Amino acid sequence: MTSTEITYAWAINHAMDEEMARDPRVVLFGQDVGRMGGVFGVTRNLFEKHGPERVRDVSIVEHFVVGGAVGAALGGLRPIAEVQFADFLLVAGDESFHKLPKWRYMHGGAFTIPVVIRAPSGIQGGVGAEHSQSPEGHYWHTPGLKIAVPSTPADAKGLLKSAIRDDDPVIFFETRRLYRVKGLVSDDPELLVPFGQASVRREGTDLTVVAWAGMVPEVLAAAEMLAAEGLSIEVIDPRTLVPFDWETVAASVRKTSRLLIVHEAPLTMGPGAEIASRAADELFVELDAPVRRLAGPDVPIPQNMALEQFCFPQVPEIVAAARELIRW
């Protein structure tokens, strides 16, 4: 089967298109996803190909978007609901923290809720403190949800297809900063990326770095710079946070004896804390240095585009943190 070089955004589009063609129960709705093709252009051509009954624009009412997706799933559909900015999932707090993850359990498994919530996230383009956050940690703390955090076009397509076919609800965090990044993506409509299976993006022996979504390219760039100094960095991309592939991370740490976790969300109570805590609990005797987290600062994200770059880890910071841990 051949592969084609396409962008991260277009890979997401292809995944939705193929799954809608495969399964008539798959529907898409959200703000401007129809004729406009989405505020970021990710849903282009889907309205024309699959029609107004299956690709629907809805009002700017996030609790209706998420709640409507739950209702559609209960009615036998497999909805994909787009929330234009992941930040506004919190407007649908009851629907996303309660109905979506808990109703199957609360009703004794009488039904499934096969919903995918597409949630564009991350810092990009000076859109300010209410449109730039990475709230995956909020949902990692909520039992009953699966969480995908793709970092490449191939994973964006393969994970989204897996999410759409899953009978459990999935929050699919798309890093907007990656939308224009290109990569080879399989043309095989049946090629899926399984949940709970991390990818070793780069093998190394001196330090394990765990990063996901938009931080993976930054970490890989840092690893390349460190290689020129003779330092060997292993980069683990979990691809999904729920389920989380702890076995791959643990095996890497047993090899390198050091662990750095890099994410875009703020440091305090951030998602990296769970990984660090588990490493301290289960891998203490394997570690030759303290586990370190490198993350966004605990500040609202500024709208100034020059300043927003200081709100997520940059390559020089990652390089410095890695050097410090290796030379501990």
C-alpha atoms as a PDB file:
ATOM      1  CA  MET A   1       0.000   0.000   0.000  1.00  0.00           C
ATOM      2  CA  THR A   2       1.323   3.441  -0.894  1.00  0.00           C
ATOM      3  CA  SER A   3       1.825   6.484   1.320  1.00  0.00           C
ATOM      4  CA  THR A   4       1.315  10.153   0.519  1.00  0.00           C
ATOM      5  CA  GLU A   5       2.896  13.204   2.113  1.00  0.00           C
ATOM      6  CA  ILE A   6       0.102  15.338   3.564  1.00  0.00           C
ATOM      7  CA  THR A   7      -0.355  17.742   6.436  1.00  0.00           C
ATOM      8  CA  TYR A   8      -1.489  16.853   9.946  1.00  0.00           C
ATOM      9  CA  ALA A   9      -4.758  18.723   9.315  1.00  0.00           C
ATOM     10  CA  TRP A  10      -5.412  16.920   6.041  1.00  0.00           C
ATOM     11  CA  ALA A  11      -4.653  13.568   7.677  1.00  0.00           C
ATOM     12  CA  ILE A  12      -7.456  14.277  10.157  1.00  0.00           C
ATOM     13  CA  ASN A  13      -9.719  15.203   7.272  1.00  0.00           C
ATOM     14  CA  HIS A  14      -8.890  11.941   5.461  1.00  0.00           C
ATOM     15  CA  ALA A  15      -9.621   9.909   8.579  1.00  0.00           C
ATOM     16  CA  MET A  16     -13.092  11.425   8.926  1.00  0.00           C
ATOM     17  CA  ASP A  17     -13.806  11.092   5.207  1.00  0.00           C
ATOM     18  CA  GLU A  18     -12.809   7.421   5.098  1.00  0.00           C
ATOM     19  CA  GLU A  19     -14.744   6.513   8.236  1.00  0.00           C
ATOM     20  CA  MET A  20     -17.866   8.318   7.011  1.00  0.00           C
ATOM     21  CA  ALA A  21     -17.623   6.427   3.730  1.00  0.00           C
ATOM     22  CA  ARG A  22     -17.136   3.125   5.587  1.00  0.00           C
ATOM     23  CA  ASP A  23     -19.886   3.507   8.185  1.00  0.00           C
ATOM     24  CA  PRO A  24     -23.133   5.450   7.561  1.00  0.00           C
ATOM     25  CA  ARG A  25     -23.601   5.848  11.314  1.00  0.00           C
ATOM     26  CA  VAL A  26     -20.622   8.225  11.521  1.00  0.00           C
ATOM     27  CA  VAL A  27     -21.757  11.852  11.597  1.00  0.00           C
ATOM     28  CA  LEU A  28     -19.915  15.116  12.108  1.00  0.00           C
ATOM     29  CA  PHE A  29     -21.138  18.309  13.704  1.00  0.00           C
ATOM     30  CA  GLY A  30     -19.736  21.444  15.255  1.00  0.00           C
ATOM     31  CA  GLN A  31     -19.319  25.149  14.673  1.00  0.00           C
ATOM     32  CA  ASP A  32     -18.666  25.971  10.997  1.00  0.00           C
ATOM     33  CA  VAL A  33     -17.772  22.379  10.053  1.00  0.00           C
ATOM     34  CA  GLY A  34     -20.153  22.379   7.054  1.00  0.00           C
ATOM     35  CA  ARG A  35     -19.881  24.664   4.056  1.00  0.00           C
ATOM     36  CA  MET A  36     -17.107  26.709   5.662  1.00  0.00           C
ATOM     37  CA  GLY A  37     -14.983  23.581   6.177  1.00  0.00           C
ATOM     38  CA  GLY A  38     -14.116  24.412   9.774  1.00  0.00           C
ATOM     39  CA  VAL A  39     -12.492  27.473  11.241  1.00  0.00           C
ATOM     40  CA  PHE A  40      -9.083  25.842  10.599  1.00  0.00           C
ATOM     41  CA  GLY A  41     -10.116  24.223   7.302  1.00  0.00           C
ATOM     42  CA  VAL A  42      -9.900  20.681   8.706  1.00  0.00           C
ATOM     43  CA  THR A  43     -13.395  19.618   7.561  1.00  0.00           C
ATOM     44  CA  ARG A  44     -13.161  20.920   3.992  1.00  0.00           C
ATOM     45  CA  ASN A  45     -15.159  19.007   1.354  1.00  0.00           C
ATOM     46  CA  LEU A  46     -16.908  16.748   3.853  1.00  0.00           C
ATOM     47  CA  PHE A  47     -20.200  18.630   3.618  1.00  0.00           C
ATOM     48  CA  GLU A  48     -20.151  18.338  -0.176  1.00  0.00           C
ATOM     49  CA  LYS A  49     -19.223  14.626  -0.114  1.00  0.00           C
ATOM     50  CA  HIS A  50     -21.458  13.373   2.691  1.00  0.00           C
ATOM     51  CA  GLY A  51     -24.335  15.827   2.695  1.00  0.00           C
ATOM     52  CA  PRO A  52     -26.122  18.074   5.186  1.00  0.00           C
ATOM     53  CA  GLU A  53     -27.703  15.190   7.094  1.00  0.00           C
ATOM     54  CA  ARG A  54     -24.301  13.891   8.178  1.00  0.00           C
ATOM     55  CA  VAL A  55     -22.206  17.084   8.328  1.00  0.00           C
ATOM     56  CA  ARG A  56     -24.024  19.739  10.328  1.00  0.00           C
ATOM     57  CA  ASP A  57     -23.222  23.208  11.566  1.00  0.00           C
ATOM     58  CA  VAL A  58     -24.465  23.944  15.064  1.00  0.00           C
ATOM     59  CA  SER A  59     -24.679  27.022  17.244  1.00  0.00           C
ATOM     60  CA  ILE A  60     -21.806  28.230  19.415  1.00  0.00           C
ATOM     61  CA  VAL A  61     -23.135  26.317  22.412  1.00  0.00           C
ATOM     62  CA  GLU A  62     -20.527  23.845  23.587  1.00  0.00           C
ATOM     63  CA  HIS A  63     -22.736  22.052  26.076  1.00  0.00           C
ATOM     64  CA  PHE A  64     -25.134  21.354  23.203  1.00  0.00           C
ATOM     65  CA  VAL A  65     -22.284  20.119  20.987  1.00  0.00           C
ATOM     66  CA  VAL A  66     -21.024  17.605  23.559  1.00  0.00           C
ATOM     67  CA  GLY A  67     -24.442  16.790  25.019  1.00  0.00           C
ATOM     68  CA  GLY A  68     -25.869  16.380  21.522  1.00  0.00           C
ATOM     69  CA  ALA A  69     -23.063  13.973  20.699  1.00  0.00           C
ATOM     70  CA  VAL A  70     -23.951  11.865  23.737  1.00  0.00           C
ATOM     71  CA  GLY A  71     -27.606  11.839  22.688  1.00  0.00           C
ATOM     72  CA  ALA A  72     -26.748  10.948  19.105  1.00  0.00           C
ATOM     73  CA  ALA A  73     -24.618   8.045  20.328  1.00  0.00           C
ATOM     74  CA  LEU A  74     -27.450   6.788  22.533  1.00  0.00           C
ATOM     75  CA  GLY A  75     -29.632   6.909  19.417  1.00  0.00           C
ATOM     76  CA  GLY A  76     -27.314   4.591  17.484  1.00  0.00           C
ATOM     77  CA  LEU A  77     -24.984   7.020  15.694  1.00  0.00           C
ATOM     78  CA  ARG A  78     -21.212   7.366  16.006  1.00  0.00           C
ATOM     79  CA  PRO A  79     -20.746  11.134  16.238  1.00  0.00           C
ATOM     80  CA  ILE A  80     -17.617  13.195  15.786  1.00  0.00           C
ATOM     81  CA  ALA A  81     -18.130  16.536  17.516  1.00  0.00           C
ATOM     82  CA  GLU A  82     -15.720  19.412  17.008  1.00  0.00           C
ATOM     83  CA  VAL A  83     -15.181  21.977  19.740  1.00  0.00           C
ATOM     84  CA  GLN A  84     -13.316  24.785  17.970  1.00  0.00           C
ATOM     85  CA  PHE A  85     -10.931  25.324  20.884  1.00  0.00           C
ATOM     86  CA  ALA A  86     -10.222  22.690  23.540  1.00  0.00           C
ATOM     87  CA  ASP A  87     -10.450  25.408  26.195  1.00  0.00           C
ATOM     88  CA  PHE A  88     -14.209  25.556  25.668  1.00  0.00           C
ATOM     89  CA  LEU A  89     -14.737  21.932  26.595  1.00  0.00           C
ATOM     90  CA  LEU A  90     -15.003  23.383  30.092  1.00  0.00           C
ATOM     91  CA  VAL A  91     -18.135  25.268  29.008  1.00  0.00           C
ATOM     92  CA  ALA A  92     -19.559  21.786  28.474  1.00  0.00           C
ATOM     93  CA  GLY A  93     -18.376  20.740  31.916  1.00  0.00           C
ATOM     94  CA  ASP A  94     -21.377  18.615  32.902  1.00  0.00           C
ATOM     95  CA  GLU A  95     -21.529  16.949  29.504  1.00  0.00           C
ATOM     96  CA  SER A  96     -17.790  16.246  29.181  1.00  0.00           C
ATOM     97  CA  PHE A  97     -16.969  15.371  32.812  1.00  0.00           C
ATOM     98  CA  HIS A  98     -20.225  13.594  33.699  1.00  0.00           C
ATOM     99  CA  LYS A  99     -22.448  12.420  30.835  1.00  0.00           C
ATOM    100  CA  LEU A 100     -19.769  11.441  28.331  1.00  0.00           C
ATOM    101  CA  PRO A 101     -17.521   9.341  30.618  1.00  0.00           C
ATOM    102  CA  LYS A 102     -19.956   8.086  33.237  1.00  0.00           C
ATOM    103  CA  TRP A 103     -23.328   7.253  31.714  1.00  0.00           C
ATOM    104  CA  ARG A 104     -22.389   3.820  30.401  1.00  0.00           C
ATOM    105  CA  TYR A 105     -21.184   2.851  33.876  1.00  0.00           C
ATOM    106  CA  MET A 106     -24.124   4.467  35.665  1.00  0.00           C
ATOM    107  CA  HIS A 107     -26.585   2.527  33.505  1.00  0.00           C
ATOM    108  CA  GLY A 108     -24.917  -0.820  34.055  1.00  0.00           C
ATOM    109  CA  GLY A 109     -23.471  -1.062  30.558  1.00  0.00           C
ATOM    110  CA  ALA A 110     -26.897  -0.978  28.934  1.00  0.00           C
ATOM    111  CA  PHE A 111     -25.473   1.036  26.032  1.00  0.00           C
ATOM    112  CA  THR A 112     -22.230   2.375  24.647  1.00  0.00           C
ATOM    113  CA  ILE A 113     -21.271   5.998  23.970  1.00  0.00           C
ATOM    114  CA  PRO A 114     -19.054   5.901  20.857  1.00  0.00           C
ATOM    115  CA  VAL A 115     -18.327   9.638  20.727  1.00  0.00           C
ATOM    116  CA  VAL A 116     -15.187  11.404  19.503  1.00  0.00           C
ATOM    117  CA  ILE A 117     -14.669  14.983  20.636  1.00  0.00           C
ATOM    118  CA  ARG A 118     -12.144  16.744  18.416  1.00  0.00           C
ATOM    119  CA  ALA A 119     -10.461  19.404  20.548  1.00  0.00           C
ATOM    120  CA  PRO A 120      -7.898  21.691  18.844  1.00  0.00           C
ATOM    121  CA  SER A 121      -5.443  22.773  21.536  1.00  0.00           C
ATOM    122  CA  GLY A 122      -2.140  24.448  22.266  1.00  0.00           C
ATOM    123  CA  ILE A 123      -0.395  27.754  21.710  1.00  0.00           C
ATOM    124  CA  GLN A 124      -0.522  29.170  18.203  1.00  0.00           C
ATOM    125  CA  GLY A 125      -1.194  32.514  16.604  1.00  0.00           C
ATOM    126  CA  GLY A 126      -1.747  34.948  19.454  1.00  0.00           C
ATOM    127  CA  VAL A 127      -5.300  33.931  20.273  1.00  0.00           C
ATOM    128  CA  GLY A 128      -4.872  34.557  23.976  1.00  0.00           C
ATOM    129  CA  ALA A 129      -5.355  32.950  27.347  1.00  0.00           C
ATOM    130  CA  GLU A 130      -8.810  31.469  26.666  1.00  0.00           C
ATOM    131  CA  HIS A 131      -7.961  29.875  23.305  1.00  0.00           C
ATOM    132  CA  SER A 132      -4.436  28.482  23.754  1.00  0.00           C
ATOM    133  CA  GLN A 133      -4.489  25.992  26.592  1.00  0.00           C
ATOM    134  CA  SER A 134      -3.611  22.293  26.721  1.00  0.00           C
ATOM    135  CA  PRO A 135      -6.237  20.837  29.072  1.00  0.00           C
ATOM    136  CA  GLU A 136      -5.497  17.146  28.618  1.00  0.00           C
ATOM    137  CA  GLY A 137      -4.667  16.803  32.316  1.00  0.00           C
ATOM    138  CA  HIS A 138      -8.219  17.766  33.301  1.00  0.00           C
ATOM    139  CA  TYR A 139      -9.572  14.852  31.300  1.00  0.00           C
ATOM    140  CA  TRP A 140      -6.829  12.406  32.268  1.00  0.00           C
ATOM    141  CA  HIS A 141      -8.176  12.897  35.782  1.00  0.00           C
ATOM    142  CA  THR A 142     -11.669  11.813  34.633  1.00  0.00           C
ATOM    143  CA  PRO A 143     -12.271   8.036  34.609  1.00  0.00           C
ATOM    144  CA  GLY A 144     -14.261   6.752  31.653  1.00  0.00           C
ATOM    145  CA  LEU A 145     -12.579   8.725  28.867  1.00  0.00           C
ATOM    146  CA  LYS A 146      -9.867   7.769  26.415  1.00  0.00           C
ATOM    147  CA  ILE A 147      -7.409  10.489  25.368  1.00  0.00           C
ATOM    148  CA  ALA A 148      -5.438  10.720  22.120  1.00  0.00           C
ATOM    149  CA  VAL A 149      -2.553  13.195  21.656  1.00  0.00           C
ATOM    150  CA  PRO A 150      -1.076  12.632  18.159  1.00  0.00           C
ATOM    151  CA  SER A 151       2.194  14.294  17.166  1.00  0.00           C
ATOM    152  CA  THR A 152       2.498  13.270  13.493  1.00  0.00           C
ATOM    153  CA  PRO A 153       0.193  13.232  10.461  1.00  0.00           C
ATOM    154  CA  ALA A 154       0.304   9.435  10.326  1.00  0.00           C
ATOM    155  CA  ASP A 155      -0.720   9.124  13.961  1.00  0.00           C
ATOM    156  CA  ALA A 156      -3.357  11.830  13.597  1.00  0.00           C
ATOM    157  CA  LYS A 157      -5.054   9.766  10.911  1.00  0.00           C
ATOM    158  CA  GLY A 158      -4.548   6.330  12.445  1.00  0.00           C
ATOM    159  CA  LEU A 159      -5.548   7.326  15.972  1.00  0.00           C
ATOM    160  CA  LEU A 160      -8.633   9.208  14.817  1.00  0.00           C
ATOM    161  CA  LYS A 161      -9.818   6.211  12.822  1.00  0.00           C
ATOM    162  CA  SER A 162      -9.297   4.020  15.887  1.00  0.00           C
ATOM    163  CA  ALA A 163     -11.182   6.545  18.012  1.00  0.00           C
ATOM    164  CA  ILE A 164     -14.158   6.627  15.645  1.00  0.00           C
ATOM    165  CA  ARG A 165     -14.407   2.830  15.708  1.00  0.00           C
ATOM    166  CA  ASP A 166     -14.087   2.645  19.504  1.00  0.00           C
ATOM    167  CA  ASP A 167     -17.208   2.086  21.597  1.00  0.00           C
ATOM    168  CA  ASP A 168     -15.797   4.272  24.380  1.00  0.00           C
ATOM    169  CA  PRO A 169     -15.776   8.095  24.337  1.00  0.00           C
ATOM    170  CA  VAL A 170     -12.518   9.672  23.179  1.00  0.00           C
ATOM    171  CA  ILE A 171     -11.179  13.199  23.581  1.00  0.00           C
ATOM    172  CA  PHE A 172      -8.951  13.752  20.550  1.00  0.00           C
ATOM    173  CA  PHE A 173      -6.568  16.631  21.240  1.00  0.00           C
ATOM    174  CA  GLU A 174      -5.202  18.139  18.025  1.00  0.00           C
ATOM    175  CA  THR A 175      -2.222  20.478  18.355  1.00  0.00           C
ATOM    176  CA  ARG A 176      -3.055  23.464  16.162  1.00  0.00           C
ATOM    177  CA  ARG A 177       0.643  24.274  15.842  1.00  0.00           C
ATOM    178  CA  LEU A 178       1.040  21.003  13.924  1.00  0.00           C
ATOM    179  CA  TYR A 179      -1.782  21.491  11.421  1.00  0.00           C
ATOM    180  CA  ARG A 180       0.604  22.465   8.593  1.00  0.00           C
ATOM    181  CA  VAL A 181       3.316  19.939   9.429  1.00  0.00           C
ATOM    182  CA  LYS A 182       3.718  17.356   6.659  1.00  0.00           C
ATOM    183  CA  GLY A 183       4.529  13.674   6.854  1.00  0.00           C
ATOM    184  CA  LEU A 184       3.999  10.388   5.055  1.00  0.00           C
ATOM    185  CA  VAL A 185       0.558   8.900   5.690  1.00  0.00           C
ATOM    186  CA  SER A 186      -0.611   5.498   4.516  1.00  0.00           C
ATOM    187  CA  ASP A 187      -3.329   5.438   1.859  1.00  0.00           C
ATOM    188  CA  ASP A 188      -4.693   2.202   3.349  1.00  0.00           C
ATOM    189  CA  PRO A 189      -8.169   2.983   4.757  1.00  0.00           C
ATOM    190  CA  GLU A 190      -7.878   0.032   7.141  1.00  0.00           C
ATOM    191  CA  LEU A 191      -4.551   1.027   8.695  1.00  0.00           C
ATOM    192  CA  LEU A 192      -5.226   1.983  12.318  1.00  0.00           C
ATOM    193  CA  VAL A 193      -2.946   3.158  15.102  1.00  0.00           C
ATOM    194  CA  PRO A 194      -3.902   1.261  18.275  1.00  0.00           C
ATOM    195  CA  PHE A 195      -4.546   3.049  21.540  1.00  0.00           C
ATOM    196  CA  GLY A 196      -2.156   2.319  24.409  1.00  0.00           C
ATOM    197  CA  GLN A 197       0.896   1.669  22.229  1.00  0.00           C
ATOM    198  CA  ALA A 198       3.662   4.248  22.548  1.00  0.00           C
ATOM    199  CA  SER A 199       6.124   5.040  19.786  1.00  0.00           C
ATOM    200  CA  VAL A 200       9.870   5.208  20.373  1.00  0.00           C
ATOM    201  CA  ARG A 201      10.592   8.206  18.166  1.00  0.00           C
ATOM    202  CA  ARG A 202      14.342   8.021  18.754  1.00  0.00           C
ATOM    203  CA  GLU A 203      16.418   5.381  20.496  1.00  0.00           C
ATOM    204  CA  GLY A 204      19.063   6.357  23.030  1.00  0.00           C
ATOM    205  CA  THR A 205      20.983   5.234  26.101  1.00  0.00           C
ATOM    206  CA  ASP A 206      21.659   8.306  28.286  1.00  0.00           C
ATOM    207  CA  LEU A 207      18.224   9.773  29.015  1.00  0.00           C
ATOM    208  CA  THR A 208      14.553   8.961  28.450  1.00  0.00           C
ATOM    209  CA  VAL A 209      12.360  11.884  27.434  1.00  0.00           C
ATOM    210  CA  VAL A 210       8.578  11.430  27.395  1.00  0.00           C
ATOM    211  CA  ALA A 211       6.688  14.017  25.341  1.00  0.00           C
ATOM    212  CA  TRP A 212       3.479  14.137  23.346  1.00  0.00           C
ATOM    213  CA  ALA A 213       1.598  16.202  20.777  1.00  0.00           C
ATOM    214  CA  GLY A 214       3.280  19.496  19.883  1.00  0.00           C
ATOM    215  CA  MET A 215       6.266  18.941  22.156  1.00  0.00           C
ATOM    216  CA  VAL A 216       7.533  15.889  20.288  1.00  0.00           C
ATOM    217  CA  PRO A 217       9.115  17.872  17.408  1.00  0.00           C
ATOM    218  CA  GLU A 218      10.795  20.191  19.941  1.00  0.00           C
ATOM    219  CA  VAL A 219      12.224  17.251  21.872  1.00  0.00           C
ATOM    220  CA  LEU A 220      13.455  15.548  18.708  1.00  0.00           C
ATOM    221  CA  ALA A 221      15.204  18.762  17.656  1.00  0.00           C
ATOM    222  CA  ALA A 222      16.833  18.953  21.084  1.00  0.00           C
ATOM    223  CA  ALA A 223      17.906  15.312  20.857  1.00  0.00           C
ATOM    224  CA  GLU A 224      19.555  16.009  17.520  1.00  0.00           C
ATOM    225  CA  MET A 225      21.543  18.886  19.022  1.00  0.00           C
ATOM    226  CA  LEU A 226      22.598  16.760  21.983  1.00  0.00           C
ATOM    227  CA  ALA A 227      23.716  13.955  19.681  1.00  0.00           C
ATOM    228  CA  ALA A 228      26.306  16.343  18.273  1.00  0.00           C
ATOM    229  CA  GLU A 229      27.728  16.501  21.813  1.00  0.00           C
ATOM    230  CA  GLY A 230      27.823  12.719  22.089  1.00  0.00           C
ATOM    231  CA  LEU A 231      24.703  12.504  24.284  1.00  0.00           C
ATOM    232  CA  SER A 232      22.151   9.813  23.419  1.00  0.00           C
ATOM    233  CA  ILE A 233      18.484  10.661  24.023  1.00  0.00           C
ATOM    234  CA  GLU A 234      15.597   8.192  23.820  1.00  0.00           C
ATOM    235  CA  VAL A 235      12.306   9.897  22.925  1.00  0.00           C
ATOM    236  CA  ILE A 236       9.043   8.198  23.876  1.00  0.00           C
ATOM    237  CA  ASP A 237       5.767   9.499  22.417  1.00  0.00           C
ATOM    238  CA  PRO A 238       2.859   7.822  24.275  1.00  0.00           C
ATOM    239  CA  ARG A 239       0.395   8.769  21.483  1.00  0.00           C
ATOM    240  CA  THR A 240      -2.482   8.174  23.900  1.00  0.00           C
ATOM    241  CA  LEU A 241      -2.629   9.239  27.544  1.00  0.00           C
ATOM    242  CA  VAL A 242      -5.556   6.915  28.240  1.00  0.00           C
ATOM    243  CA  PRO A 243      -4.702   4.122  27.899  1.00  0.00           C
ATOM    244  CA  PHE A 244      -1.085   4.945  28.753  1.00  0.00           C
ATOM    245  CA  ASP A 245       1.726   2.629  27.671  1.00  0.00           C
ATOM    246  CA  TRP A 246       3.654   2.564  30.924  1.00  0.00           C
ATOM    247  CA  GLU A 247       5.541  -0.590  29.967  1.00  0.00           C
ATOM    248  CA  THR A 248       7.399   1.138  27.111  1.00  0.00           C
ATOM    249  CA  VAL A 249       8.320   4.088  29.339  1.00  0.00           C
ATOM    250  CA  ALA A 250       9.485   1.820  32.157  1.00  0.00           C
ATOM    251  CA  ALA A 251      11.606  -0.314  29.842  1.00  0.00           C
ATOM    252  CA  SER A 252      13.301   2.820  28.511  1.00  0.00           C
ATOM    253  CA  VAL A 253      13.994   4.201  32.000  1.00  0.00           C
ATOM    254  CA  ARG A 254      15.501   0.875  33.086  1.00  0.00           C
ATOM    255  CA  LYS A 255      17.902   1.266  30.152  1.00  0.00           C
ATOM    256  CA  THR A 256      18.807   4.956  30.575  1.00  0.00           C
ATOM    257  CA  SER A 257      18.328   5.391  34.374  1.00  0.00           C
ATOM    258  CA  ARG A 258      17.064   8.937  33.826  1.00  0.00           C
ATOM    259  CA  LEU A 259      13.691  10.473  32.980  1.00  0.00           C
ATOM    260  CA  LEU A 260      12.599  13.893  31.714  1.00  0.00           C
ATOM    261  CA  ILE A 261       8.922  14.626  30.985  1.00  0.00           C
ATOM    262  CA  VAL A 262       8.105  17.511  28.639  1.00  0.00           C
ATOM    263  CA  HIS A 263       4.624  18.909  28.077  1.00  0.00           C
ATOM    264  CA  GLU A 264       2.956  22.175  27.086  1.00  0.00           C
ATOM    265  CA  ALA A 265       0.378  22.338  29.868  1.00  0.00           C
ATOM    266  CA  PRO A 266       1.368  24.283  33.013  1.00  0.00           C
ATOM    267  CA  LEU A 267       3.744  22.615  35.441  1.00  0.00           C
ATOM    268  CA  THR A 268       1.743  22.696  38.672  1.00  0.00           C
ATOM    269  CA  MET A 269      -0.541  19.653  38.888  1.00  0.00           C
ATOM    270  CA  GLY A 270       0.204  19.112  35.192  1.00  0.00           C
ATOM    271  CA  PRO A 271      -0.115  15.749  33.431  1.00  0.00           C
ATOM    272  CA  GLY A 272       3.605  15.063  33.760  1.00  0.00           C
ATOM    273  CA  ALA A 273       3.202  14.806  37.519  1.00  0.00           C
ATOM    274  CA  GLU A 274       1.393  11.477  37.199  1.00  0.00           C
ATOM    275  CA  ILE A 275       4.200   9.990  35.105  1.00  0.00           C
ATOM    276  CA  ALA A 276       6.852  11.351  37.463  1.00  0.00           C
ATOM    277  CA  SER A 277       5.059  10.004  40.507  1.00  0.00           C
ATOM    278  CA  ARG A 278       4.677   6.561  39.021  1.00  0.00           C
ATOM    279  CA  ALA A 279       8.351   6.517  38.055  1.00  0.00           C
ATOM    280  CA  ALA A 280       9.298   7.435  41.619  1.00  0.00           C
ATOM    281  CA  ASP A 281       7.005   4.715  42.981  1.00  0.00           C
ATOM    282  CA  GLU A 282       7.976   1.890  40.647  1.00  0.00           C
ATOM    283  CA  LEU A 283      11.431   2.724  39.257  1.00  0.00           C
ATOM    284  CA  PHE A 284      13.184   4.355  42.204  1.00  0.00           C
ATOM    285  CA  VAL A 285      16.037   1.853  42.341  1.00  0.00           C
ATOM    286  CA  GLU A 286      16.558   2.181  38.579  1.00  0.00           C
ATOM    287  CA  LEU A 287      17.038   5.956  38.646  1.00  0.00           C
ATOM    288  CA  ASP A 288      20.459   7.637  38.823  1.00  0.00           C
ATOM    289  CA  ALA A 289      18.999  11.158  38.945  1.00  0.00           C
ATOM    290  CA  PRO A 290      15.748  12.789  40.072  1.00  0.00           C
ATOM    291  CA  VAL A 291      12.827  12.665  37.665  1.00  0.00           C
ATOM    292  CA  ARG A 292      12.395  16.093  36.132  1.00  0.00           C
ATOM    293  CA  ARG A 293       9.393  17.811  34.528  1.00  0.00           C
ATOM    294  CA  LEU A 294       9.713  20.606  31.993  1.00  0.00           C
ATOM    295  CA  ALA A 295       6.426  22.327  31.199  1.00  0.00           C
ATOM    296  CA  GLY A 296       4.607  25.561  30.543  1.00  0.00           C
ATOM    297  CA  PRO A 297       4.846  28.234  33.250  1.00  0.00           C
ATOM    298  CA  ASP A 298       1.958  28.812  35.636  1.00  0.00           C
ATOM    299  CA  VAL A 299       0.722  31.950  33.882  1.00  0.00           C
ATOM    300  CA  PRO A 300      -2.196  32.871  31.616  1.00  0.00           C
ATOM    301  CA  ILE A 301      -1.012  32.630  28.024  1.00  0.00           C
ATOM    302  CA  PRO A 302      -0.428  36.137  26.605  1.00  0.00           C
ATOM    303  CA  GLN A 303      -2.019  37.247  23.360  1.00  0.00           C
ATOM    304  CA  ASN A 304       1.238  38.841  22.229  1.00  0.00           C
ATOM    305  CA  MET A 305       2.763  36.383  19.754  1.00  0.00           C
ATOM    306  CA  ALA A 306       6.305  37.260  20.816  1.00  0.00           C
ATOM    307  CA  LEU A 307       5.482  36.503  24.443  1.00  0.00           C
ATOM    308  CA  GLU A 308       3.445  33.334  23.907  1.00  0.00           C
ATOM    309  CA  GLN A 309       6.606  31.506  22.796  1.00  0.00           C
ATOM    310  CA  PHE A 310       7.821  31.708  26.390  1.00  0.00           C
ATOM    311  CA  CYS A 311       4.781  29.716  27.549  1.00  0.00           C
ATOM    312  CA  PHE A 312       5.861  26.283  26.386  1.00  0.00           C
ATOM    313  CA  PRO A 313       9.274  24.566  26.539  1.00  0.00           C
ATOM    314  CA  GLN A 314      11.661  25.640  23.789  1.00  0.00           C
ATOM    315  CA  VAL A 315      14.522  23.606  22.338  1.00  0.00           C
ATOM    316  CA  PRO A 316      17.287  25.379  24.331  1.00  0.00           C
ATOM    317  CA  GLU A 317      15.429  24.710  27.600  1.00  0.00           C
ATOM    318  CA  ILE A 318      15.039  21.031  26.728  1.00  0.00           C
ATOM    319  CA  VAL A 319      18.726  20.787  25.823  1.00  0.00           C
ATOM    320  CA  ALA A 320      19.760  22.402  29.120  1.00  0.00           C
ATOM    321  CA  ALA A 321      17.480  20.170  31.207  1.00  0.00           C
ATOM    322  CA  ALA A 322      18.722  17.041  29.434  1.00  0.00           C
ATOM    323  CA  ARG A 323      22.381  17.992  29.946  1.00  0.00           C
ATOM    324  CA  GLU A 324      21.761  18.608  33.637  1.00  0.00           C
ATOM    325  CA  LEU A 325      20.121  15.229  34.161  1.00  0.00           C
ATOM    326  CA  ILE A 326      22.749  13.292  32.219  1.00  0.00           C
ATOM    327  CA  ARG A 327      25.597  14.957  34.158  1.00  0.00           C
ATOM    328  CA  TRP A 328      23.905  14.526  37.545  1.00  0.00           C
END
